[in-house]
PDB file of N, CA and C in Angstrom:
ATOM      1  N   UNK A   1       0.968  -1.082  -0.025  1.00  0.00           N
ATOM      2  CA  UNK A   1       0.246   0.115   0.079  1.00  0.00           C
ATOM      3  C   UNK A   1       0.767   1.159  -0.020  1.00  0.00           C
ATOM      4  N   UNK A   2       0.363   1.978  -1.109  1.00  0.00           N
ATOM      5  CA  UNK A   2       1.373   3.460  -0.792  1.00  0.00           C
ATOM      6  C   UNK A   2       0.668   4.392   0.581  1.00  0.00           C
ATOM      7  N   UNK A   3       1.087   5.165   0.836  1.00  0.00           N
ATOM      8  CA  UNK A   3       0.980   6.471   2.109  1.00  0.00           C
ATOM      9  C   UNK A   3      -0.294   6.900   1.629  1.00  0.00           C
ATOM     10  N   UNK A   4      -0.493   7.373   0.448  1.00  0.00           N
ATOM     11  CA  UNK A   4      -2.092   7.939  -0.056  1.00  0.00           C
ATOM     12  C   UNK A   4      -3.152   6.796   0.318  1.00  0.00           C
ATOM     13  N   UNK A   5      -2.927   5.877  -0.061  1.00  0.00           N
ATOM     14  CA  UNK A   5      -4.005   5.012   0.130  1.00  0.00           C
ATOM     15  C   UNK A   5      -4.335   4.577   1.778  1.00  0.00           C
ATOM     16  N   UNK A   6      -3.103   4.402   2.215  1.00  0.00           N
ATOM     17  CA  UNK A   6      -3.015   4.241   3.683  1.00  0.00           C
ATOM     18  C   UNK A   6      -3.728   5.282   4.603  1.00  0.00           C
ATOM     19  N   UNK A   7      -3.275   6.449   4.093  1.00  0.00           N
ATOM     20  CA  UNK A   7      -4.231   7.668   4.645  1.00  0.00           C
ATOM     21  C   UNK A   7      -5.713   7.587   4.066  1.00  0.00           C
ATOM     22  N   UNK A   8      -6.023   7.846   3.137  1.00  0.00           N
ATOM     23  CA  UNK A   8      -7.335   7.252   2.595  1.00  0.00           C
ATOM     24  C   UNK A   8      -8.270   5.873   3.531  1.00  0.00           C
ATOM     25  N   UNK A   9      -7.556   5.045   3.510  1.00  0.00           N
ATOM     26  CA  UNK A   9      -7.854   4.357   4.514  1.00  0.00           C
ATOM     27  C   UNK A   9      -8.218   4.633   5.826  1.00  0.00           C
ATOM     28  N   UNK A  10      -7.179   5.213   6.280  1.00  0.00           N
ATOM     29  CA  UNK A  10      -7.482   5.788   7.916  1.00  0.00           C
ATOM     30  C   UNK A  10      -8.481   6.556   7.938  1.00  0.00           C
ATOM     31  N   UNK A  11      -8.591   7.309   6.973  1.00  0.00           N
ATOM     32  CA  UNK A  11      -9.811   8.235   7.014  1.00  0.00           C
ATOM     33  C   UNK A  11     -11.214   7.504   7.097  1.00  0.00           C
ATOM     34  N   UNK A  12     -11.544   6.383   6.263  1.00  0.00           N
ATOM     35  CA  UNK A  12     -12.184   6.086   5.998  1.00  0.00           C
ATOM     36  C   UNK A  12     -12.939   4.963   7.445  1.00  0.00           C
ATOM     37  N   UNK A  13     -11.943   4.425   7.912  1.00  0.00           N
ATOM     38  CA  UNK A  13     -11.910   3.801   8.950  1.00  0.00           C
ATOM     39  C   UNK A  13     -12.410   4.953  10.688  1.00  0.00           C
ATOM     40  N   UNK A  14     -11.791   5.899  10.514  1.00  0.00           N
ATOM     41  CA  UNK A  14     -11.834   6.744  11.616  1.00  0.00           C
ATOM     42  C   UNK A  14     -13.504   7.305  11.262  1.00  0.00           C
ATOM     43  N   UNK A  15     -13.900   7.679  10.283  1.00  0.00           N
ATOM     44  CA  UNK A  15     -15.549   7.768  10.008  1.00  0.00           C
ATOM     45  C   UNK A  15     -16.293   6.826  10.297  1.00  0.00           C
ATOM     46  N   UNK A  16     -16.059   5.625  10.018  1.00  0.00           N
ATOM     47  CA  UNK A  16     -17.010   4.493  10.415  1.00  0.00           C
ATOM     48  C   UNK A  16     -16.944   3.775  11.568  1.00  0.00           C
ATOM     49  N   UNK A  17     -15.821   4.286  12.591  1.00  0.00           N
ATOM     50  CA  UNK A  17     -15.736   3.545  14.016  1.00  0.00           C
ATOM     51  C   UNK A  17     -15.543   4.552  14.951  1.00  0.00           C
ATOM     52  N   UNK A  18     -16.079   4.037  16.217  1.00  0.00           N
ATOM     53  CA  UNK A  18     -15.743   4.875  17.199  1.00  0.00           C
ATOM     54  C   UNK A  18     -14.399   4.243  17.957  1.00  0.00           C
ATOM     55  N   UNK A  19     -13.524   4.490  17.790  1.00  0.00           N
ATOM     56  CA  UNK A  19     -12.430   3.812  18.709  1.00  0.00           C
ATOM     57  C   UNK A  19     -12.581   4.188  20.077  1.00  0.00           C
ATOM     58  N   UNK A  20     -12.262   2.988  21.050  1.00  0.00           N
ATOM     59  CA  UNK A  20     -11.850   1.481  20.623  1.00  0.00           C
ATOM     60  C   UNK A  20     -13.161   0.632  20.107  1.00  0.00           C
ATOM     61  N   UNK A  21     -12.785  -0.229  19.310  1.00  0.00           N
ATOM     62  CA  UNK A  21     -14.079  -0.608  18.274  1.00  0.00           C
ATOM     63  C   UNK A  21     -13.879  -2.273  18.133  1.00  0.00           C
ATOM     64  N   UNK A  22     -14.649  -3.049  17.813  1.00  0.00           N
ATOM     65  CA  UNK A  22     -14.534  -4.481  17.161  1.00  0.00           C
ATOM     66  C   UNK A  22     -14.386  -4.176  15.904  1.00  0.00           C
ATOM     67  N   UNK A  23     -13.451  -4.838  15.262  1.00  0.00           N
ATOM     68  CA  UNK A  23     -12.984  -4.654  13.791  1.00  0.00           C
ATOM     69  C   UNK A  23     -12.888  -6.312  13.408  1.00  0.00           C
ATOM     70  N   UNK A  24     -13.633  -6.187  12.230  1.00  0.00           N
ATOM     71  CA  UNK A  24     -13.491  -7.955  11.595  1.00  0.00           C
ATOM     72  C   UNK A  24     -12.628  -8.037  10.481  1.00  0.00           C
ATOM     73  N   UNK A  25     -11.448  -8.640  10.689  1.00  0.00           N
ATOM     74  CA  UNK A  25     -10.450  -8.636   9.726  1.00  0.00           C
ATOM     75  C   UNK A  25     -10.788 -10.513   8.829  1.00  0.00           C
ATOM     76  N   UNK A  26     -10.617 -10.263   7.547  1.00  0.00           N
ATOM     77  CA  UNK A  26     -10.772 -11.557   6.886  1.00  0.00           C
ATOM     78  C   UNK A  26      -9.812 -11.570   5.857  1.00  0.00           C
ATOM     79  N   UNK A  27      -8.783 -12.581   5.785  1.00  0.00           N
ATOM     80  CA  UNK A  27      -7.838 -13.215   4.942  1.00  0.00           C
ATOM     81  C   UNK A  27      -8.168 -14.393   4.567  1.00  0.00           C
ATOM     82  N   UNK A  28      -7.592 -14.695   3.426  1.00  0.00           N
ATOM     83  CA  UNK A  28      -7.712 -16.056   2.924  1.00  0.00           C
ATOM     84  C   UNK A  28      -5.636 -16.115   2.672  1.00  0.00           C
ATOM     85  N   UNK A  29      -5.348 -17.508   3.142  1.00  0.00           N
ATOM     86  CA  UNK A  29      -4.017 -17.795   2.480  1.00  0.00           C
ATOM     87  C   UNK A  29      -3.824 -19.025   2.200  1.00  0.00           C
ATOM     88  N   UNK A  30      -2.828 -19.486   1.333  1.00  0.00           N
ATOM     89  CA  UNK A  30      -2.684 -20.860   0.800  1.00  0.00           C
ATOM     90  C   UNK A  30      -2.198 -21.803   1.735  1.00  0.00           C
ATOM     91  N   UNK A  31      -2.667 -22.665   1.550  1.00  0.00           N
ATOM     92  CA  UNK A  31      -2.397 -23.615   2.127  1.00  0.00           C
ATOM     93  C   UNK A  31      -1.167 -24.168   2.410  1.00  0.00           C
ATOM     94  N   UNK A  32      -0.563 -24.145   3.919  1.00  0.00           N
ATOM     95  CA  UNK A  32       0.640 -24.118   4.002  1.00  0.00           C
ATOM     96  C   UNK A  32       1.177 -23.082   4.848  1.00  0.00           C
ATOM     97  N   UNK A  33       0.199 -21.826   4.593  1.00  0.00           N
ATOM     98  CA  UNK A  33       0.692 -20.600   5.265  1.00  0.00           C
ATOM     99  C   UNK A  33      -0.166 -20.345   6.674  1.00  0.00           C
ATOM    100  N   UNK A  34      -1.077 -21.037   6.721  1.00  0.00           N
ATOM    101  CA  UNK A  34      -1.884 -20.752   7.795  1.00  0.00           C
ATOM    102  C   UNK A  34      -1.065 -20.243   9.131  1.00  0.00           C
ATOM    103  N   UNK A  35       0.016 -21.122   9.532  1.00  0.00           N
ATOM    104  CA  UNK A  35       0.545 -21.164  10.642  1.00  0.00           C
ATOM    105  C   UNK A  35       1.057 -19.646  10.754  1.00  0.00           C
ATOM    106  N   UNK A  36       1.537 -19.199   9.634  1.00  0.00           N
ATOM    107  CA  UNK A  36       2.412 -17.568   9.585  1.00  0.00           C
ATOM    108  C   UNK A  36       1.012 -16.829  10.129  1.00  0.00           C
ATOM    109  N   UNK A  37       0.024 -16.868   9.529  1.00  0.00           N
ATOM    110  CA  UNK A  37      -0.961 -16.115   9.924  1.00  0.00           C
ATOM    111  C   UNK A  37      -1.253 -16.039  11.406  1.00  0.00           C
ATOM    112  N   UNK A  38      -1.560 -17.251  12.236  1.00  0.00           N
ATOM    113  CA  UNK A  38      -2.118 -17.736  13.702  1.00  0.00           C
ATOM    114  C   UNK A  38      -0.849 -17.247  14.492  1.00  0.00           C
ATOM    115  N   UNK A  39       0.205 -17.406  14.021  1.00  0.00           N
ATOM    116  CA  UNK A  39       1.455 -16.543  14.654  1.00  0.00           C
ATOM    117  C   UNK A  39       1.302 -15.216  15.056  1.00  0.00           C
ATOM    118  N   UNK A  40       1.042 -14.776  13.700  1.00  0.00           N
ATOM    119  CA  UNK A  40       0.943 -13.028  13.822  1.00  0.00           C
ATOM    120  C   UNK A  40      -0.138 -12.661  14.686  1.00  0.00           C
ATOM    121  N   UNK A  41      -1.097 -13.435  14.613  1.00  0.00           N
ATOM    122  CA  UNK A  41      -2.275 -12.960  15.705  1.00  0.00           C
ATOM    123  C   UNK A  41      -2.610 -13.697  16.993  1.00  0.00           C
ATOM    124  N   UNK A  42      -1.800 -14.409  17.335  1.00  0.00           N
ATOM    125  CA  UNK A  42      -1.298 -15.370  18.439  1.00  0.00           C
ATOM    126  C   UNK A  42      -2.449 -15.324  19.788  1.00  0.00           C
ATOM    127  N   UNK A  43      -2.978 -14.179  20.374  1.00  0.00           N
ATOM    128  CA  UNK A  43      -4.014 -14.009  21.196  1.00  0.00           C
ATOM    129  C   UNK A  43      -5.141 -13.994  20.714  1.00  0.00           C
ATOM    130  N   UNK A  44      -5.542 -14.105  19.325  1.00  0.00           N
ATOM    131  CA  UNK A  44      -6.734 -14.085  18.961  1.00  0.00           C
ATOM    132  C   UNK A  44      -7.053 -15.682  18.112  1.00  0.00           C
ATOM    133  N   UNK A  45      -8.378 -16.147  18.373  1.00  0.00           N
ATOM    134  CA  UNK A  45      -8.947 -17.341  17.693  1.00  0.00           C
ATOM    135  C   UNK A  45      -9.755 -16.750  16.736  1.00  0.00           C
ATOM    136  N   UNK A  46      -9.281 -17.179  15.810  1.00  0.00           N
ATOM    137  CA  UNK A  46      -9.964 -17.264  14.488  1.00  0.00           C
ATOM    138  C   UNK A  46     -11.384 -18.259  13.747  1.00  0.00           C
ATOM    139  N   UNK A  47     -12.399 -17.483  13.124  1.00  0.00           N
ATOM    140  CA  UNK A  47     -13.092 -18.666  12.510  1.00  0.00           C
ATOM    141  C   UNK A  47     -12.226 -19.094  11.118  1.00  0.00           C
ATOM    142  N   UNK A  48     -12.351 -20.341  11.260  1.00  0.00           N
ATOM    143  CA  UNK A  48     -11.324 -20.901   9.767  1.00  0.00           C
ATOM    144  C   UNK A  48     -12.262 -21.996   9.005  1.00  0.00           C
ATOM    145  N   UNK A  49     -11.925 -21.649   7.538  1.00  0.00           N
ATOM    146  CA  UNK A  49     -12.800 -22.462   6.670  1.00  0.00           C
ATOM    147  C   UNK A  49     -11.880 -22.720   5.529  1.00  0.00           C
ATOM    148  N   UNK A  50     -11.951 -24.249   5.342  1.00  0.00           N
ATOM    149  CA  UNK A  50     -10.912 -24.792   4.079  1.00  0.00           C
ATOM    150  C   UNK A  50     -11.666 -24.481   2.602  1.00  0.00           C
ATOM    151  N   UNK A  51     -11.077 -24.108   1.893  1.00  0.00           N
ATOM    152  CA  UNK A  51     -11.778 -23.980   0.420  1.00  0.00           C
ATOM    153  C   UNK A  51     -12.211 -25.333  -0.086  1.00  0.00           C
ATOM    154  N   UNK A  52     -12.929 -25.459  -1.085  1.00  0.00           N
ATOM    155  CA  UNK A  52     -13.458 -26.862  -1.445  1.00  0.00           C
ATOM    156  C   UNK A  52     -12.303 -27.965  -1.772  1.00  0.00           C
ATOM    157  N   UNK A  53     -11.676 -26.933  -2.550  1.00  0.00           N
ATOM    158  CA  UNK A  53     -10.037 -27.966  -2.917  1.00  0.00           C
ATOM    159  C   UNK A  53      -9.157 -28.022  -2.307  1.00  0.00           C
ATOM    160  N   UNK A  54      -9.244 -27.299  -1.108  1.00  0.00           N
ATOM    161  CA  UNK A  54      -8.405 -27.552   0.135  1.00  0.00           C
ATOM    162  C   UNK A  54      -7.042 -26.511  -0.584  1.00  0.00           C
ATOM    163  N   UNK A  55      -7.210 -25.678  -1.313  1.00  0.00           N
ATOM    164  CA  UNK A  55      -5.710 -25.049  -1.744  1.00  0.00           C
ATOM    165  C   UNK A  55      -5.449 -23.831  -0.690  1.00  0.00           C
ATOM    166  N   UNK A  56      -6.719 -23.365  -0.201  1.00  0.00           N
ATOM    167  CA  UNK A  56      -6.710 -22.312   0.524  1.00  0.00           C
ATOM    168  C   UNK A  56      -7.734 -22.250   2.087  1.00  0.00           C
ATOM    169  N   UNK A  57      -7.506 -21.385   2.927  1.00  0.00           N
ATOM    170  CA  UNK A  57      -8.216 -21.266   4.271  1.00  0.00           C
ATOM    171  C   UNK A  57      -8.653 -20.025   4.434  1.00  0.00           C
ATOM    172  N   UNK A  58      -9.713 -19.565   5.083  1.00  0.00           N
ATOM    173  CA  UNK A  58     -10.345 -18.499   5.328  1.00  0.00           C
ATOM    174  C   UNK A  58     -10.237 -18.351   6.641  1.00  0.00           C
ATOM    175  N   UNK A  59      -9.734 -17.155   7.089  1.00  0.00           N
ATOM    176  CA  UNK A  59      -9.806 -16.820   8.389  1.00  0.00           C
ATOM    177  C   UNK A  59     -10.517 -15.794   8.568  1.00  0.00           C
ATOM    178  N   UNK A  60     -12.098 -15.481   9.679  1.00  0.00           N
ATOM    179  CA  UNK A  60     -12.071 -14.185  10.169  1.00  0.00           C
ATOM    180  C   UNK A  60     -11.878 -14.018  11.644  1.00  0.00           C
ATOM    181  N   UNK A  61     -11.307 -13.170  12.161  1.00  0.00           N
ATOM    182  CA  UNK A  61     -11.189 -12.384  13.095  1.00  0.00           C
ATOM    183  C   UNK A  61     -11.690 -11.157  13.774  1.00  0.00           C
ATOM    184  N   UNK A  62     -12.323 -11.754  14.687  1.00  0.00           N
ATOM    185  CA  UNK A  62     -13.215 -10.308  15.452  1.00  0.00           C
ATOM    186  C   UNK A  62     -12.186  -9.880  16.610  1.00  0.00           C
ATOM    187  N   UNK A  63     -11.813  -8.745  16.215  1.00  0.00           N
ATOM    188  CA  UNK A  63     -10.634  -8.221  17.453  1.00  0.00           C
ATOM    189  C   UNK A  63     -11.359  -6.623  17.770  1.00  0.00           C
ATOM    190  N   UNK A  64     -10.965  -6.573  18.985  1.00  0.00           N
ATOM    191  CA  UNK A  64     -11.036  -5.086  19.672  1.00  0.00           C
ATOM    192  C   UNK A  64     -10.114  -4.397  19.228  1.00  0.00           C
ATOM    193  N   UNK A  65     -10.077  -3.604  18.559  1.00  0.00           N
ATOM    194  CA  UNK A  65      -8.855  -2.424  18.236  1.00  0.00           C
ATOM    195  C   UNK A  65      -9.151  -1.111  18.797  1.00  0.00           C
ATOM    196  N   UNK A  66      -7.647  -0.607  19.466  1.00  0.00           N
ATOM    197  CA  UNK A  66      -7.589   0.516  19.795  1.00  0.00           C
ATOM    198  C   UNK A  66      -7.828   2.005  18.933  1.00  0.00           C
ATOM    199  N   UNK A  67      -7.404   1.568  17.483  1.00  0.00           N
ATOM    200  CA  UNK A  67      -7.447   2.594  16.985  1.00  0.00           C
ATOM    201  C   UNK A  67      -7.417   2.358  15.369  1.00  0.00           C
ATOM    202  N   UNK A  68      -7.540   3.379  14.478  1.00  0.00           N
ATOM    203  CA  UNK A  68      -7.558   2.458  13.288  1.00  0.00           C
ATOM    204  C   UNK A  68      -6.016   2.365  12.916  1.00  0.00           C
ATOM    205  N   UNK A  69      -4.796   3.129  13.617  1.00  0.00           N
ATOM    206  CA  UNK A  69      -3.416   2.662  13.283  1.00  0.00           C
ATOM    207  C   UNK A  69      -3.361   1.464  13.254  1.00  0.00           C
ATOM    208  N   UNK A  70      -4.151   1.059  14.544  1.00  0.00           N
ATOM    209  CA  UNK A  70      -3.688  -0.649  14.946  1.00  0.00           C
ATOM    210  C   UNK A  70      -4.342  -1.423  14.098  1.00  0.00           C
ATOM    211  N   UNK A  71      -5.403  -0.881  13.304  1.00  0.00           N
ATOM    212  CA  UNK A  71      -5.987  -1.792  12.301  1.00  0.00           C
ATOM    213  C   UNK A  71      -4.965  -2.298  11.186  1.00  0.00           C
ATOM    214  N   UNK A  72      -4.681  -0.854  10.636  1.00  0.00           N
ATOM    215  CA  UNK A  72      -3.618  -0.647   9.543  1.00  0.00           C
ATOM    216  C   UNK A  72      -2.413  -1.778  10.008  1.00  0.00           C
ATOM    217  N   UNK A  73      -1.836  -1.084  11.022  1.00  0.00           N
ATOM    218  CA  UNK A  73      -0.770  -2.261  11.080  1.00  0.00           C
ATOM    219  C   UNK A  73      -0.839  -3.615  11.057  1.00  0.00           C
ATOM    220  N   UNK A  74      -1.860  -4.156  11.825  1.00  0.00           N
ATOM    221  CA  UNK A  74      -2.295  -5.487  11.281  1.00  0.00           C
ATOM    222  C   UNK A  74      -1.905  -5.858   9.556  1.00  0.00           C
ATOM    223  N   UNK A  75      -2.678  -5.114   9.068  1.00  0.00           N
ATOM    224  CA  UNK A  75      -2.722  -5.230   7.504  1.00  0.00           C
ATOM    225  C   UNK A  75      -1.507  -5.319   7.167  1.00  0.00           C
ATOM    226  N   UNK A  76      -0.652  -4.450   7.621  1.00  0.00           N
ATOM    227  CA  UNK A  76       1.000  -4.494   6.814  1.00  0.00           C
ATOM    228  C   UNK A  76       1.507  -5.607   7.343  1.00  0.00           C
ATOM    229  N   UNK A  77       1.566  -5.751   8.717  1.00  0.00           N
ATOM    230  CA  UNK A  77       2.210  -7.018   9.186  1.00  0.00           C
ATOM    231  C   UNK A  77       1.373  -8.259   8.178  1.00  0.00           C
ATOM    232  N   UNK A  78       0.442  -8.725   8.088  1.00  0.00           N
ATOM    233  CA  UNK A  78      -0.220  -9.806   7.395  1.00  0.00           C
ATOM    234  C   UNK A  78       0.131  -9.202   5.790  1.00  0.00           C
ATOM    235  N   UNK A  79       0.356  -8.356   5.503  1.00  0.00           N
ATOM    236  CA  UNK A  79       0.555  -8.206   3.561  1.00  0.00           C
ATOM    237  C   UNK A  79       1.962  -8.800   3.423  1.00  0.00           C
ATOM    238  N   UNK A  80       2.730  -9.027   4.272  1.00  0.00           N
ATOM    239  CA  UNK A  80       3.889 -10.067   4.281  1.00  0.00           C
ATOM    240  C   UNK A  80       4.054 -11.221   4.107  1.00  0.00           C
ATOM    241  N   UNK A  81       2.924 -11.878   4.482  1.00  0.00           N
ATOM    242  CA  UNK A  81       2.633 -13.166   4.160  1.00  0.00           C
ATOM    243  C   UNK A  81       2.330 -13.678   2.638  1.00  0.00           C
ATOM    244  N   UNK A  82       3.379 -14.358   2.020  1.00  0.00           N
ATOM    245  CA  UNK A  82       2.943 -14.990   0.600  1.00  0.00           C
ATOM    246  C   UNK A  82       2.038 -15.139   0.364  1.00  0.00           C
ATOM    247  N   UNK A  83       0.903 -14.862  -0.992  1.00  0.00           N
ATOM    248  CA  UNK A  83      -0.100 -15.256  -1.422  1.00  0.00           C
ATOM    249  C   UNK A  83      -1.339 -14.626  -0.401  1.00  0.00           C
ATOM    250  N   UNK A  84      -1.215 -14.268   0.648  1.00  0.00           N
ATOM    251  CA  UNK A  84      -1.934 -13.692   1.124  1.00  0.00           C
ATOM    252  C   UNK A  84      -3.335 -12.949   0.799  1.00  0.00           C
ATOM    253  N   UNK A  85      -4.459 -12.851   0.729  1.00  0.00           N
ATOM    254  CA  UNK A  85      -5.585 -12.093   0.520  1.00  0.00           C
ATOM    255  C   UNK A  85      -6.388 -11.557   1.458  1.00  0.00           C
ATOM    256  N   UNK A  86      -6.545 -10.183   1.784  1.00  0.00           N
ATOM    257  CA  UNK A  86      -6.912  -9.384   2.555  1.00  0.00           C
ATOM    258  C   UNK A  86      -8.192  -9.023   1.828  1.00  0.00           C
ATOM    259  N   UNK A  87      -9.442  -9.294   3.028  1.00  0.00           N
ATOM    260  CA  UNK A  87     -10.711  -8.847   2.349  1.00  0.00           C
ATOM    261  C   UNK A  87     -11.174  -7.555   2.991  1.00  0.00           C
TER     262      UNK A  87
END
């Protein structure tokens, strides 16, 4: 993400949420990368669902976040996982 995209996303988050707030993260990772995501968010238990063919796993996290910047920080960390899709 570029800085201007991050700033726009931060503004949108701040317009739609009163922090602290529960935020829903949804990620899809290729099979074999699940542990990387779980290690990133160790204190949270996701809902997991494998794809029909078993090539991907989707994760949904409901997390209490203190600020829009904390949400963005999670997305930046998660983006380092090869093949991850953030929804």
